[in-house]
């Protein structure tokens, strides 16, 4: 088999495949044998039917048509794969009427849209940002604080002005009475620790406690059937309504222990001798855990920088394929986060059709993306992926990176499949080895890019804090702007009469005047009203324009 590839004037590619007469003869013979085993021919045993008999009933042309169809299905993908051809859409036969002929080579051509080949405007090293590869002091501090807070306990505060907060705690003297005023002894408590937000007592009880100080008393009456809580079962057997009365003996706050050598040794069961050992343990854990994340950030940033080095209109077929791949990747990541290995993910999705949608909705919630925004988000991510991949292809060509069948076999071995040789053959027969080659090629290209990259490192904790502060500032600015717009709209709706303006405050009058481009500094209320009314009249407006012109 021989495959020749040429580029047409239209920009499409044409692959011409030649299959030798010897193979055609073999395929035709096998097809007749298959007919003999598949169909019933009266007077003949299966597998022992003479060819003329088969031809008489099936037809010679039908046999040639079936062989031709088999070649298109079986041989074409392999021929394209071996020629390292990358169609991005369905291939089209140039001559759909061609048939194989015994004793002759079979030559046919297909035309297809090929993956674009781009050249970068620069192959200089990329400049990217990425977190430090090793754990930073701030990252370790953060983990030490988490560990410390895991041992935090509620303790009474000496601050007399302290108030109970939602999900906080307090020491209470508690009495609960039934509808007739009789005490329910099982719920009585003195100087008892109570944590809000655990649904132990009714929600209304917790809400009444919020904001209370030491010495305050609250009384809350509830409908037992409606106000469900942790003691509902007990109350339902005794009364329809219940009254909770609580005196705040002390307000409690969470107090975390001091991180000392003794505390570290005690909480680790003697496995860690001191604070230094704890910090070293966190250093090793964080460094190991962040390695995949740092690598991904570097690769993504490098690909993004490379994609800026060329401009091209991407084929929709490539974008659509990338969207489908990215969506599947999201689903796989969500399942992986749940501890489901990649090799079982697809089977699980096949068995649970709704699972894929559930995983996508979970991702959208985590990423704060609405279902309406998701299609555009998906498309933009797909475009980034396609451009990044085309840029890596360009790097591979520029650096002369190649991939052999041995490299592909090694990839199967490293993937952990049970039988790498069998997997290799399966992919080869399906004409899909080019997918593996392409992945290896791009991986090697990315490795080369990162080896030369100029990397500016940043502290992940600091960057996160900066991003949060920036987001908060932007949210505040947006809220201020929105409030100003609403105020301006309200001001615009005010009827501009002396009576209506007199009802407004000076600050409101100044806002209206400023909206009309009037100077307000030093003006009293009456002067502001006069200036606004003057600006409202055509003569006044004309005078203002003349004043501005001067």
Protein backbone atom coordinates (compact mmCIF):
# COMPACT_ATOMS: atom_id res chain seq x y z
CA UNK A 1 0.00 0.00 0.00
CA UNK A 2 1.26 3.44 -0.93
CA UNK A 3 -0.15 6.87 0.00
CA UNK A 4 0.69 10.14 -1.72
CA UNK A 5 -0.48 13.47 -0.25
CA UNK A 6 -0.77 16.77 -2.12
CA UNK A 7 -2.14 20.21 -1.31
CA UNK A 8 -4.83 21.54 -3.64
CA UNK A 9 -5.31 25.16 -4.71
CA UNK A 10 -8.37 25.33 -2.46
CA UNK A 11 -6.14 24.68 0.53
CA UNK A 12 -7.60 21.22 1.04
CA UNK A 13 -5.45 18.12 0.87
CA UNK A 14 -5.79 15.12 -1.41
CA UNK A 15 -4.54 11.68 -0.44
CA UNK A 16 -4.15 9.10 -3.19
CA UNK A 17 -3.93 5.51 -1.99
CA UNK A 18 -2.69 2.64 -4.14
CA UNK A 19 -3.38 -0.98 -3.18
CA UNK A 20 -1.47 -3.62 -5.12
CA UNK A 21 -3.27 -6.11 -7.35
CA UNK A 22 -2.02 -8.99 -5.22
CA UNK A 23 -3.88 -7.73 -2.16
CA UNK A 24 -6.99 -7.01 -4.25
CA UNK A 25 -6.97 -10.61 -5.50
CA UNK A 26 -6.63 -11.90 -1.95
CA UNK A 27 -9.49 -9.72 -0.72
CA UNK A 28 -11.80 -10.82 -3.53
CA UNK A 29 -11.06 -14.49 -2.81
CA UNK A 30 -11.73 -13.97 0.88
CA UNK A 31 -15.01 -12.19 0.13
CA UNK A 32 -16.27 -15.19 -1.88
CA UNK A 33 -15.23 -17.49 0.93
CA UNK A 34 -17.17 -15.34 3.39
CA UNK A 35 -20.26 -15.56 1.17
CA UNK A 36 -19.91 -19.37 1.13
CA UNK A 37 -19.84 -19.49 4.92
CA UNK A 38 -22.54 -16.89 5.46
CA UNK A 39 -25.29 -17.81 2.99
CA UNK A 40 -27.12 -21.04 2.20
CA UNK A 41 -26.55 -22.45 -1.30
CA UNK A 42 -28.79 -25.50 -1.95
CA UNK A 43 -26.80 -28.64 -2.67
CA UNK A 44 -23.57 -27.36 -1.11
CA UNK A 45 -22.13 -27.47 2.37
CA UNK A 46 -21.07 -24.19 3.97
CA UNK A 47 -17.51 -23.33 3.02
CA UNK A 48 -17.55 -25.66 0.01
CA UNK A 49 -19.44 -23.58 -2.52
CA UNK A 50 -17.78 -23.09 -5.94
CA UNK A 51 -17.15 -19.49 -6.90
CA UNK A 52 -19.25 -19.65 -10.11
CA UNK A 53 -22.26 -20.74 -8.04
CA UNK A 54 -21.76 -17.80 -5.65
CA UNK A 55 -21.30 -15.37 -8.54
CA UNK A 56 -24.51 -16.61 -10.15
CA UNK A 57 -26.56 -15.84 -7.04
CA UNK A 58 -24.73 -12.88 -5.44
CA UNK A 59 -23.45 -11.23 -8.57
CA UNK A 60 -19.86 -10.45 -9.50
CA UNK A 61 -20.41 -6.70 -9.35
CA UNK A 62 -21.89 -6.98 -5.85
CA UNK A 63 -18.79 -8.84 -4.73
CA UNK A 64 -16.54 -6.10 -6.13
CA UNK A 65 -18.71 -3.42 -4.51
CA UNK A 66 -18.46 -5.17 -1.12
CA UNK A 67 -14.66 -5.50 -1.41
CA UNK A 68 -14.39 -1.82 -2.35
CA UNK A 69 -16.52 -0.83 0.63
CA UNK A 70 -14.35 -2.96 2.93
CA UNK A 71 -11.24 -1.18 1.66
CA UNK A 72 -12.77 2.22 2.36
CA UNK A 73 -13.68 1.14 5.89
CA UNK A 74 -10.56 -0.89 6.78
CA UNK A 75 -7.66 0.37 4.67
CA UNK A 76 -8.39 4.10 4.37
CA UNK A 77 -7.96 4.93 8.09
CA UNK A 78 -4.71 2.94 8.23
CA UNK A 79 -3.37 4.56 5.05
CA UNK A 80 -4.13 8.04 6.37
CA UNK A 81 -2.63 7.17 9.74
CA UNK A 82 0.61 5.83 8.27
CA UNK A 83 0.92 8.93 6.09
CA UNK A 84 0.60 11.07 9.25
CA UNK A 85 -2.43 12.82 7.80
CA UNK A 86 -4.75 14.79 10.12
CA UNK A 87 -8.19 15.39 8.58
CA UNK A 88 -10.31 17.74 10.70
CA UNK A 89 -13.61 16.71 9.14
CA UNK A 90 -15.15 13.81 7.21
CA UNK A 91 -13.07 12.83 4.15
CA UNK A 92 -14.78 12.72 0.74
CA UNK A 93 -14.12 10.21 -2.01
CA UNK A 94 -13.07 11.88 -5.22
CA UNK A 95 -14.74 9.15 -7.33
CA UNK A 96 -17.54 7.34 -5.56
CA UNK A 97 -18.21 5.00 -8.50
CA UNK A 98 -14.76 3.37 -8.61
CA UNK A 99 -14.64 -0.40 -8.06
CA UNK A 100 -11.77 -2.82 -7.52
CA UNK A 101 -10.87 -5.09 -10.43
CA UNK A 102 -9.13 -8.45 -10.18
CA UNK A 103 -5.59 -8.38 -11.54
CA UNK A 104 -5.28 -4.59 -11.24
CA UNK A 105 -3.98 -2.14 -8.64
CA UNK A 106 -6.78 -0.22 -7.00
CA UNK A 107 -6.13 3.51 -6.86
CA UNK A 108 -8.53 5.92 -5.15
CA UNK A 109 -8.33 9.43 -3.74
CA UNK A 110 -9.94 11.27 -0.88
CA UNK A 111 -10.18 15.03 -0.36
CA UNK A 112 -10.37 16.56 3.08
CA UNK A 113 -9.84 19.67 5.18
CA UNK A 114 -6.47 19.30 6.87
CA UNK A 115 -5.23 20.59 10.19
CA UNK A 116 -3.77 24.08 9.61
CA UNK A 117 0.00 24.47 9.61
CA UNK A 118 1.08 27.71 11.28
CA UNK A 119 4.38 29.49 11.70
CA UNK A 120 5.10 31.57 14.78
CA UNK A 121 6.32 35.15 14.38
CA UNK A 122 8.97 34.37 17.00
CA UNK A 123 10.60 31.28 18.42
CA UNK A 124 12.28 33.15 21.26
CA UNK A 125 11.86 31.78 24.80
CA UNK A 126 8.46 32.54 26.32
CA UNK A 127 8.16 34.70 29.42
CA UNK A 128 5.66 33.27 31.90
CA UNK A 129 4.61 33.47 35.54
CA UNK A 130 4.24 30.42 37.79
CA UNK A 131 4.12 29.64 41.52
CA UNK A 132 7.32 28.64 43.31
CA UNK A 133 7.88 24.90 42.86
CA UNK A 134 8.77 24.42 46.52
CA UNK A 135 6.52 25.31 49.44
CA UNK A 136 6.93 28.93 50.57
CA UNK A 137 7.00 30.16 54.16
CA UNK A 138 3.53 31.68 53.72
CA UNK A 139 2.12 28.39 52.43
CA UNK A 140 3.62 26.58 55.41
CA UNK A 141 2.29 29.28 57.78
CA UNK A 142 -1.16 28.77 56.27
CA UNK A 143 -1.06 25.01 56.91
CA UNK A 144 0.25 25.48 60.46
CA UNK A 145 -2.67 27.85 61.09
CA UNK A 146 -5.12 25.26 59.71
CA UNK A 147 -3.63 22.59 61.99
CA UNK A 148 -3.78 24.96 64.95
CA UNK A 149 -7.41 25.88 64.28
CA UNK A 150 -8.35 22.20 64.07
CA UNK A 151 -7.67 22.11 67.83
CA UNK A 152 -9.45 25.37 68.61
CA UNK A 153 -12.01 25.26 71.42
CA UNK A 154 -14.78 27.59 72.59
CA UNK A 155 -13.82 29.37 75.80
CA UNK A 156 -15.54 32.15 77.81
CA UNK A 157 -14.22 35.62 76.97
CA UNK A 158 -13.36 38.30 79.53
CA UNK A 159 -14.56 41.03 77.16
CA UNK A 160 -17.71 42.43 78.77
CA UNK A 161 -18.82 43.96 75.45
CA UNK A 162 -18.52 40.70 73.51
CA UNK A 163 -21.71 39.56 71.77
CA UNK A 164 -22.84 36.16 70.53
CA UNK A 165 -22.32 35.69 66.79
CA UNK A 166 -23.97 33.34 64.30
CA UNK A 167 -22.36 29.89 64.59
CA UNK A 168 -20.69 31.13 67.77
CA UNK A 169 -21.18 29.78 71.29
CA UNK A 170 -22.13 30.74 74.81
CA UNK A 171 -22.70 29.36 78.28
CA UNK A 172 -26.42 29.44 79.11
CA UNK A 173 -28.85 28.86 81.92
CA UNK A 174 -31.79 27.31 80.09
CA UNK A 175 -35.38 26.48 80.97
CA UNK A 176 -38.02 25.08 78.63
CA UNK A 177 -41.72 25.02 79.48
CA UNK A 178 -44.70 23.40 77.79
CA UNK A 179 -47.94 25.06 76.66
CA UNK A 180 -49.25 25.07 80.26
CA UNK A 181 -46.09 26.54 81.77
CA UNK A 182 -44.74 23.31 83.20
CA UNK A 183 -40.97 22.89 83.09
CA UNK A 184 -39.56 20.21 80.80
CA UNK A 185 -36.82 18.96 83.10
CA UNK A 186 -34.96 16.97 80.42
CA UNK A 187 -33.99 20.23 78.69
CA UNK A 188 -33.12 22.28 81.75
CA UNK A 189 -29.45 23.32 81.90
CA UNK A 190 -27.24 25.52 84.08
CA UNK A 191 -23.95 27.07 82.97
CA UNK A 192 -24.16 24.81 79.89
CA UNK A 193 -22.04 25.19 76.74
CA UNK A 194 -24.19 25.80 73.64
CA UNK A 195 -23.09 26.17 70.01
CA UNK A 196 -25.32 27.98 67.53
CA UNK A 197 -25.98 26.66 64.03
CA UNK A 198 -26.03 22.95 64.89
CA UNK A 199 -29.86 22.75 64.88
CA UNK A 200 -29.83 21.50 68.46
CA UNK A 201 -32.54 23.99 69.42
CA UNK A 202 -34.98 25.82 67.11
CA UNK A 203 -33.66 28.28 64.53
CA UNK A 204 -35.61 31.12 66.17
CA UNK A 205 -33.76 30.40 69.45
CA UNK A 206 -30.37 30.78 67.74
CA UNK A 207 -31.48 33.94 65.95
CA UNK A 208 -32.62 35.49 69.23
CA UNK A 209 -29.22 34.78 70.84
CA UNK A 210 -27.24 36.57 68.11
CA UNK A 211 -26.06 39.96 69.36
CA UNK A 212 -26.75 39.22 73.03
CA UNK A 213 -24.19 39.90 75.80
CA UNK A 214 -23.36 38.36 79.13
CA UNK A 215 -26.32 38.83 81.47
CA UNK A 216 -28.93 39.18 78.70
CA UNK A 217 -32.02 36.98 78.70
CA UNK A 218 -34.12 35.81 75.77
CA UNK A 219 -37.52 34.13 75.58
CA UNK A 220 -38.68 32.34 72.44
CA UNK A 221 -41.98 30.50 71.92
CA UNK A 222 -42.14 27.90 69.15
CA UNK A 223 -44.65 25.65 67.44
CA UNK A 224 -43.18 22.20 68.01
CA UNK A 225 -44.61 20.68 64.82
CA UNK A 226 -43.36 23.53 62.60
CA UNK A 227 -40.02 24.51 64.19
CA UNK A 228 -38.04 21.29 63.77
CA UNK A 229 -34.76 20.83 65.62
CA UNK A 230 -32.68 18.27 67.46
CA UNK A 231 -35.09 18.04 70.41
CA UNK A 232 -38.29 17.93 68.35
CA UNK A 233 -38.94 14.24 69.04
CA UNK A 234 -38.78 14.82 72.78
CA UNK A 235 -41.04 17.89 72.61
CA UNK A 236 -43.66 16.32 70.33
CA UNK A 237 -44.46 13.75 73.01
CA UNK A 238 -45.08 16.48 75.58
CA UNK A 239 -46.56 19.66 74.06
CA UNK A 240 -47.70 21.49 70.94
CA UNK A 241 -45.87 24.70 71.84
CA UNK A 242 -42.76 25.28 73.93
CA UNK A 243 -41.13 28.34 75.44
CA UNK A 244 -37.35 28.55 75.62
CA UNK A 245 -35.88 30.99 78.16
CA UNK A 246 -32.12 31.44 78.31
CA UNK A 247 -29.81 33.63 80.36
CA UNK A 248 -26.38 34.31 78.86
CA UNK A 249 -23.86 33.34 81.55
CA UNK A 250 -20.85 33.96 79.30
CA UNK A 251 -20.08 34.67 75.66
CA UNK A 252 -17.61 32.15 74.21
CA UNK A 253 -15.07 32.60 71.44
CA UNK A 254 -12.91 30.11 69.60
CA UNK A 255 -9.42 29.99 71.04
CA UNK A 256 -6.71 28.13 69.14
CA UNK A 257 -3.73 26.71 71.03
CA UNK A 258 -0.29 28.28 70.79
CA UNK A 259 2.01 26.37 68.45
CA UNK A 260 4.85 25.20 70.69
CA UNK A 261 7.28 22.30 70.62
CA UNK A 262 5.28 20.64 73.42
CA UNK A 263 1.98 21.06 71.54
CA UNK A 264 3.46 19.61 68.33
CA UNK A 265 4.88 16.60 70.18
CA UNK A 266 1.61 15.98 72.02
CA UNK A 267 -0.72 16.29 69.03
CA UNK A 268 1.53 14.14 66.79
CA UNK A 269 1.77 11.38 69.37
CA UNK A 270 5.50 11.96 69.66
CA UNK A 271 6.14 11.47 65.94
CA UNK A 272 7.25 15.09 65.54
CA UNK A 273 9.66 16.51 68.08
CA UNK A 274 9.11 20.22 67.61
CA UNK A 275 7.71 23.07 65.49
CA UNK A 276 10.63 22.84 63.08
CA UNK A 277 9.77 19.18 62.39
CA UNK A 278 6.11 20.10 61.80
CA UNK A 279 7.08 22.84 59.36
CA UNK A 280 9.45 20.46 57.53
CA UNK A 281 6.64 17.92 57.21
CA UNK A 282 4.34 20.56 55.75
CA UNK A 283 7.13 21.72 53.42
CA UNK A 284 7.48 18.23 51.96
CA UNK A 285 3.72 17.64 51.71
CA UNK A 286 2.96 20.98 50.06
CA UNK A 287 5.88 20.70 47.63
CA UNK A 288 4.74 17.24 46.53
CA UNK A 289 1.07 18.15 46.28
CA UNK A 290 1.57 21.40 44.36
CA UNK A 291 3.94 19.89 41.75
CA UNK A 292 1.18 18.79 39.30
CA UNK A 293 -0.62 22.13 39.73
CA UNK A 294 2.54 24.16 39.09
CA UNK A 295 3.32 22.06 36.02
CA UNK A 296 -0.18 22.61 34.64
CA UNK A 297 0.00 26.37 35.26
CA UNK A 298 3.36 26.57 33.48
CA UNK A 299 2.09 24.57 30.51
CA UNK A 300 -1.12 26.59 30.23
CA UNK A 301 0.70 29.92 30.47
CA UNK A 302 3.34 28.84 27.97
CA UNK A 303 0.71 27.65 25.48
CA UNK A 304 -1.20 30.92 25.91
CA UNK A 305 1.93 32.97 25.21
CA UNK A 306 2.79 30.86 22.15
CA UNK A 307 -0.74 31.21 20.78
CA UNK A 308 -0.26 35.00 20.70
CA UNK A 309 2.52 34.54 18.14
CA UNK A 310 0.27 33.80 15.18
CA UNK A 311 -3.08 34.86 13.81
CA UNK A 312 -5.38 32.49 11.95
CA UNK A 313 -9.09 31.89 11.49
CA UNK A 314 -9.60 28.54 13.17
CA UNK A 315 -11.73 25.93 11.38
CA UNK A 316 -15.07 25.42 13.17
CA UNK A 317 -14.59 21.65 12.99
CA UNK A 318 -11.46 21.91 15.17
CA UNK A 319 -13.21 24.21 17.65
CA UNK A 320 -16.19 21.84 17.90
CA UNK A 321 -13.93 18.83 18.47
CA UNK A 322 -11.97 20.74 21.11
CA UNK A 323 -15.20 21.76 22.85
CA UNK A 324 -16.28 18.13 23.07
CA UNK A 325 -12.84 17.09 24.36
CA UNK A 326 -12.75 19.89 26.93
CA UNK A 327 -16.22 18.99 28.20
CA UNK A 328 -15.21 15.34 28.58
CA UNK A 329 -12.06 16.47 30.38
CA UNK A 330 -14.11 18.52 32.85
CA UNK A 331 -16.34 15.54 33.57
CA UNK A 332 -13.29 13.30 34.03
CA UNK A 333 -11.67 15.80 36.41
CA UNK A 334 -14.82 16.00 38.52
CA UNK A 335 -14.99 12.21 38.74
CA UNK A 336 -11.26 12.06 39.56
CA UNK A 337 -11.87 14.52 42.40
CA UNK A 338 -14.38 12.00 43.73
CA UNK A 339 -11.69 9.32 43.65
CA UNK A 340 -12.90 7.54 40.49
CA UNK A 341 -9.95 6.43 38.29
CA UNK A 342 -9.93 7.54 34.65
CA UNK A 343 -10.16 3.99 33.31
CA UNK A 344 -13.54 3.51 35.05
CA UNK A 345 -14.98 6.97 34.37
CA UNK A 346 -16.42 6.30 30.89
CA UNK A 347 -17.99 3.01 31.96
CA UNK A 348 -19.62 4.76 34.89
CA UNK A 349 -20.99 7.50 32.63
CA UNK A 350 -22.32 4.90 30.16
CA UNK A 351 -24.14 3.15 33.01
CA UNK A 352 -25.47 6.43 34.49
CA UNK A 353 -26.56 8.75 31.64
CA UNK A 354 -27.36 11.65 34.00
CA UNK A 355 -23.94 11.53 35.67
CA UNK A 356 -22.19 13.63 33.01
CA UNK A 357 -24.69 16.47 33.45
CA UNK A 358 -24.39 16.24 37.22
CA UNK A 359 -20.61 16.56 36.99
CA UNK A 360 -20.90 19.56 34.66
CA UNK A 361 -23.35 21.30 37.00
CA UNK A 362 -20.97 20.62 39.88
CA UNK A 363 -18.13 22.22 37.91
CA UNK A 364 -20.26 25.27 37.03
CA UNK A 365 -21.10 25.83 40.69
CA UNK A 366 -17.44 25.57 41.70
CA UNK A 367 -16.35 27.93 38.91
CA UNK A 368 -19.26 30.34 39.53
CA UNK A 369 -20.42 30.02 35.92
CA UNK A 370 -24.11 30.04 35.02
CA UNK A 371 -25.53 27.44 32.60
CA UNK A 372 -26.24 30.32 30.19
CA UNK A 373 -22.57 31.39 30.29
CA UNK A 374 -21.21 27.87 29.87
CA UNK A 375 -21.42 27.57 26.03
CA UNK A 376 -19.33 30.73 25.56
CA UNK A 377 -16.93 29.64 28.31
CA UNK A 378 -16.58 26.25 26.64
CA UNK A 379 -15.94 27.81 23.24
CA UNK A 380 -13.28 30.21 24.53
CA UNK A 381 -11.47 27.39 26.30
CA UNK A 382 -11.63 25.29 23.14
CA UNK A 383 -10.16 28.13 21.05
CA UNK A 384 -7.29 28.48 23.53
CA UNK A 385 -6.67 24.71 23.37
CA UNK A 386 -6.66 24.64 19.56
CA UNK A 387 -4.34 27.64 19.24
CA UNK A 388 -2.00 26.26 21.88
CA UNK A 389 -1.81 22.89 20.13
CA UNK A 390 -1.13 24.45 16.71
CA UNK A 391 1.64 26.54 18.30
CA UNK A 392 3.21 23.41 19.80
CA UNK A 393 3.05 21.72 16.38
CA UNK A 394 5.00 24.69 15.02
CA UNK A 395 7.59 24.36 17.82
CA UNK A 396 7.97 20.65 17.06
CA UNK A 397 8.61 21.35 13.38
CA UNK A 398 11.00 24.20 14.19
CA UNK A 399 13.04 22.02 16.53
CA UNK A 400 12.86 18.91 14.33
CA UNK A 401 11.11 16.80 16.95
CA UNK A 402 9.92 13.44 15.62
CA UNK A 403 8.07 10.46 17.07
CA UNK A 404 8.77 6.82 16.19
CA UNK A 405 6.67 3.68 16.63
CA UNK A 406 9.01 2.75 19.48
CA UNK A 407 8.02 5.99 21.20
CA UNK A 408 4.37 5.11 20.71
CA UNK A 409 4.90 1.61 22.12
CA UNK A 410 6.68 3.09 25.14
CA UNK A 411 3.67 5.33 25.70
CA UNK A 412 1.39 2.26 25.82
CA UNK A 413 3.80 0.55 28.23
CA UNK A 414 3.88 3.60 30.52
CA UNK A 415 0.09 3.93 30.40
CA UNK A 416 -0.26 0.71 32.39
CA UNK A 417 -2.48 -1.17 29.90
CA UNK A 418 -2.51 -4.91 30.44
CA UNK A 419 -1.12 -5.81 27.00
CA UNK A 420 0.79 -2.91 25.35
CA UNK A 421 1.40 -4.85 22.10
CA UNK A 422 -2.27 -5.72 21.78
CA UNK A 423 -3.23 -2.11 22.47
CA UNK A 424 -0.74 -0.88 19.87
CA UNK A 425 -2.20 -3.22 17.23
CA UNK A 426 -5.76 -2.25 18.12
CA UNK A 427 -5.02 1.45 17.67
CA UNK A 428 -3.03 0.75 14.49
CA UNK A 429 -5.84 -1.29 12.94
CA UNK A 430 -8.26 1.52 13.79
CA UNK A 431 -5.98 4.07 12.12
CA UNK A 432 -5.58 6.02 15.36
CA UNK A 433 -1.86 5.82 16.12
CA UNK A 434 -1.49 9.38 14.85
CA UNK A 435 -3.45 10.55 17.89
CA UNK A 436 -0.80 9.05 20.18
CA UNK A 437 2.03 10.42 18.02
CA UNK A 438 0.49 13.86 18.10
CA UNK A 439 0.19 13.80 21.89
CA UNK A 440 3.81 12.69 22.34
CA UNK A 441 5.02 15.29 19.83
CA UNK A 442 3.26 18.11 21.61
CA UNK A 443 4.47 16.87 24.99
CA UNK A 444 8.08 16.94 23.78
CA UNK A 445 7.56 20.36 22.24
CA UNK A 446 6.16 21.72 25.53
CA UNK A 447 9.09 20.21 27.40
CA UNK A 448 11.49 22.03 25.09
CA UNK A 449 9.56 25.31 25.52
CA UNK A 450 9.61 25.09 29.33
CA UNK A 451 13.32 24.24 29.41
CA UNK A 452 14.04 27.57 27.69
CA UNK A 453 11.25 29.63 29.31
CA UNK A 454 11.97 32.73 31.36
CA UNK A 455 9.89 32.08 34.48
CA UNK A 456 8.95 34.69 37.07
CA UNK A 457 7.93 32.93 40.25
CA UNK A 458 5.27 34.17 42.68
CA UNK A 459 3.98 33.15 46.08
CA UNK A 460 0.60 31.46 45.62
CA UNK A 461 -0.76 32.69 48.95
CA UNK A 462 0.26 36.30 48.20
CA UNK A 463 -1.23 36.13 44.72
CA UNK A 464 -4.49 34.70 46.07
CA UNK A 465 -4.69 37.51 48.64
CA UNK A 466 -3.99 40.10 45.92
CA UNK A 467 -6.68 38.64 43.66
CA UNK A 468 -9.21 38.63 46.50
CA UNK A 469 -8.40 42.24 47.37
CA UNK A 470 -8.67 43.24 43.71
CA UNK A 471 -12.01 41.45 43.33
CA UNK A 472 -13.32 43.12 46.51
CA UNK A 473 -12.18 46.56 45.29
CA UNK A 474 -13.82 45.99 41.91
CA UNK A 475 -17.04 44.86 43.58
CA UNK A 476 -17.02 47.94 45.82
CA UNK A 477 -16.35 50.25 42.87
CA UNK A 478 -19.15 48.63 40.90
CA UNK A 479 -21.54 49.01 43.85
CA UNK A 480 -20.59 52.69 44.26
CA UNK A 481 -21.06 53.30 40.54
CA UNK A 482 -24.42 51.54 40.56
CA UNK A 483 -25.54 53.57 43.58
CA UNK A 484 -24.45 56.79 41.88
CA UNK A 485 -26.36 55.89 38.73
CA UNK A 486 -29.48 55.08 40.75
CA UNK A 487 -29.15 58.37 42.63
CA UNK A 488 -28.73 60.25 39.36
CA UNK A 489 -31.80 58.54 37.92
CA UNK A 490 -33.81 59.41 41.02
CA UNK A 491 -32.56 62.97 40.86
CA UNK A 492 -33.54 63.20 37.20
CA UNK A 493 -37.04 62.11 38.11
CA UNK A 494 -37.43 64.90 40.70
CA UNK A 495 -39.86 67.57 39.52
CA UNK A 496 -37.77 70.72 39.15
CA UNK A 497 -39.96 73.20 41.03
CA UNK A 498 -38.97 75.42 43.92
CA UNK A 499 -41.43 73.60 46.18
CA UNK A 500 -40.08 70.12 45.34
CA UNK A 501 -36.44 71.21 45.55
CA UNK A 502 -37.00 72.77 48.99
CA UNK A 503 -37.93 69.33 50.30
CA UNK A 504 -34.48 67.96 49.41
CA UNK A 505 -31.35 68.04 51.54
CA UNK A 506 -28.35 70.18 50.57
CA UNK A 507 -26.33 67.06 49.64
CA UNK A 508 -29.11 65.94 47.29
CA UNK A 509 -29.31 69.40 45.73
CA UNK A 510 -25.56 69.42 45.17
CA UNK A 511 -25.80 66.02 43.45
CA UNK A 512 -28.49 67.34 41.07
CA UNK A 513 -26.47 70.50 40.40
CA UNK A 514 -23.31 68.50 39.72
CA UNK A 515 -25.24 66.30 37.29
CA UNK A 516 -26.10 69.47 35.37
CA UNK A 517 -22.49 70.61 35.28
CA UNK A 518 -23.01 73.40 37.83
CA UNK A 519 -20.40 74.50 40.35
CA UNK A 520 -21.66 73.87 43.90
CA UNK A 521 -18.77 74.94 46.11
CA UNK A 522 -19.81 77.46 48.76
CA UNK A 523 -23.46 77.62 47.67
CA UNK A 524 -26.19 77.60 50.28
CA UNK A 525 -29.49 75.75 49.87
CA UNK A 526 -31.39 78.71 48.42
CA UNK A 527 -28.54 79.47 46.02
CA UNK A 528 -28.41 75.84 44.90
CA UNK A 529 -32.15 75.84 44.20
CA UNK A 530 -31.88 79.09 42.25
CA UNK A 531 -28.95 77.71 40.18
CA UNK A 532 -30.80 74.47 39.39
CA UNK A 533 -34.01 76.27 38.39
CA UNK A 534 -32.01 78.72 36.30
CA UNK A 535 -30.34 75.82 34.46
CA UNK A 536 -33.75 74.29 33.82
CA UNK A 537 -35.00 77.30 31.83
CA UNK A 538 -33.93 77.72 28.18
CA UNK A 539 -32.53 81.18 28.99
CA UNK A 540 -30.64 79.80 31.94
CA UNK A 541 -29.23 76.95 29.94
CA UNK A 542 -28.20 79.39 27.21
CA UNK A 543 -26.48 81.58 29.79
CA UNK A 544 -24.66 78.55 31.18
CA UNK A 545 -23.39 77.64 27.68
CA UNK A 546 -22.25 81.24 27.14
CA UNK A 547 -20.47 81.18 30.50
CA UNK A 548 -18.73 77.91 29.60
CA UNK A 549 -17.70 79.36 26.23
CA UNK A 550 -16.09 82.35 27.95
